[in-house]
Amino acid sequence: MDEAALERLLFPAPSRAARFTDPDFLEIHQELKRKGVTLQLLWGEYAATHGQRALRYSQFCARYRDWRAAQRRSMRHASTPNPTDC
């Protein structure tokens, strides 16, 4: 057994139970497309549902922004045939 394996056995990494419930950011993103829906309104619903396990508003917004930035952006382009190619 090497030194690193022995250290892992003697000092295991502490396992933390999740303190907060992560929101469903895809659902939030879809809801935000509806007229009159705000991030604050969605956070209020999320906080009412999860109580003490809910993120605070600032963390909710920050994590949503991070999630949105990580999404792949793509745009479909319809190719039109070039008349000179025929």
Protein backbone atom coordinates (compact mmCIF):
# COMPACT_ATOMS: atom_id res chain seq x y z
CA MET A 1 0.00 0.00 0.00
CA ASP A 2 1.44 3.35 -0.98
CA GLU A 3 1.45 6.45 1.19
CA ALA A 4 -1.47 8.16 -0.61
CA ALA A 5 -3.73 5.11 -0.17
CA LEU A 6 -2.84 4.88 3.50
CA GLU A 7 -3.61 8.58 3.98
CA ARG A 8 -7.02 8.13 2.32
CA LEU A 9 -7.80 5.29 4.72
CA LEU A 10 -6.70 7.22 7.81
CA PHE A 11 -8.22 10.56 6.79
CA PRO A 12 -11.27 9.97 4.59
CA ALA A 13 -12.85 12.96 2.90
CA PRO A 14 -15.78 14.23 4.95
CA SER A 15 -19.09 13.48 3.32
CA ARG A 16 -21.44 16.43 3.44
CA ALA A 17 -25.12 15.92 3.08
CA ALA A 18 -26.66 18.42 0.72
CA ARG A 19 -27.88 21.30 2.84
CA PHE A 20 -29.92 22.93 0.09
CA THR A 21 -32.21 21.55 -2.58
CA ASP A 22 -31.11 22.52 -6.06
CA PRO A 23 -33.80 24.07 -8.24
CA ASP A 24 -34.69 22.69 -11.66
CA PHE A 25 -33.04 25.37 -13.78
CA LEU A 26 -34.39 24.02 -17.07
CA GLU A 27 -37.94 24.38 -15.77
CA ILE A 28 -37.12 27.87 -14.45
CA HIS A 29 -35.70 28.84 -17.83
CA GLN A 30 -38.87 27.67 -19.58
CA GLU A 31 -41.12 29.49 -17.09
CA LEU A 32 -39.21 32.75 -17.56
CA LYS A 33 -40.28 32.78 -21.21
CA ARG A 34 -43.89 33.30 -20.14
CA LYS A 35 -45.24 36.83 -19.92
CA GLY A 36 -45.20 38.35 -16.42
CA VAL A 37 -42.99 35.64 -14.87
CA THR A 38 -39.93 36.92 -13.02
CA LEU A 39 -37.02 35.23 -11.32
CA GLN A 40 -38.19 36.63 -8.00
CA LEU A 41 -41.64 35.11 -8.49
CA LEU A 42 -40.14 31.71 -9.33
CA TRP A 43 -37.80 31.93 -6.33
CA GLY A 44 -40.80 32.64 -4.08
CA GLU A 45 -42.52 29.47 -5.31
CA TYR A 46 -39.31 27.47 -4.90
CA ALA A 47 -38.73 28.83 -1.37
CA ALA A 48 -42.32 28.07 -0.36
CA THR A 49 -41.96 24.50 -1.60
CA HIS A 50 -38.56 23.71 -0.04
CA GLY A 51 -38.66 25.81 3.14
CA GLN A 52 -35.38 25.72 5.09
CA ARG A 53 -33.68 23.69 2.36
CA ALA A 54 -34.24 26.45 -0.24
CA LEU A 55 -31.43 28.67 -1.47
CA ARG A 56 -31.63 32.35 -0.63
CA TYR A 57 -32.59 34.67 -3.49
CA SER A 58 -29.07 35.93 -4.25
CA GLN A 59 -27.65 32.39 -4.46
CA PHE A 60 -30.67 31.27 -6.50
CA CYS A 61 -30.02 34.02 -9.05
CA ALA A 62 -26.26 33.45 -9.13
CA ARG A 63 -26.65 29.71 -9.72
CA TYR A 64 -29.25 30.32 -12.43
CA ARG A 65 -26.88 32.76 -14.19
CA ASP A 66 -24.06 30.20 -13.97
CA TRP A 67 -26.33 27.45 -15.30
CA ARG A 68 -27.48 29.65 -18.18
CA ALA A 69 -23.91 30.59 -19.09
CA ALA A 70 -22.95 26.91 -19.23
CA GLN A 71 -25.68 26.02 -21.71
CA ARG A 72 -24.63 25.48 -25.29
CA ARG A 73 -25.96 28.06 -27.64
CA SER A 74 -26.86 26.93 -31.11
CA MET A 75 -28.70 28.45 -33.99
CA ARG A 76 -30.19 26.53 -36.85
CA HIS A 77 -29.55 27.92 -40.27
CA ALA A 78 -31.73 26.78 -43.11
CA SER A 79 -29.53 26.41 -46.12
CA THR A 80 -31.06 27.85 -49.24
CA PRO A 81 -30.00 26.34 -52.52
CA ASN A 82 -27.78 28.53 -54.62
CA PRO A 83 -29.30 28.93 -58.15
CA THR A 84 -25.82 28.84 -59.71
CA ASP A 85 -25.15 25.37 -58.25
CA CYS A 86 -27.78 23.66 -60.43
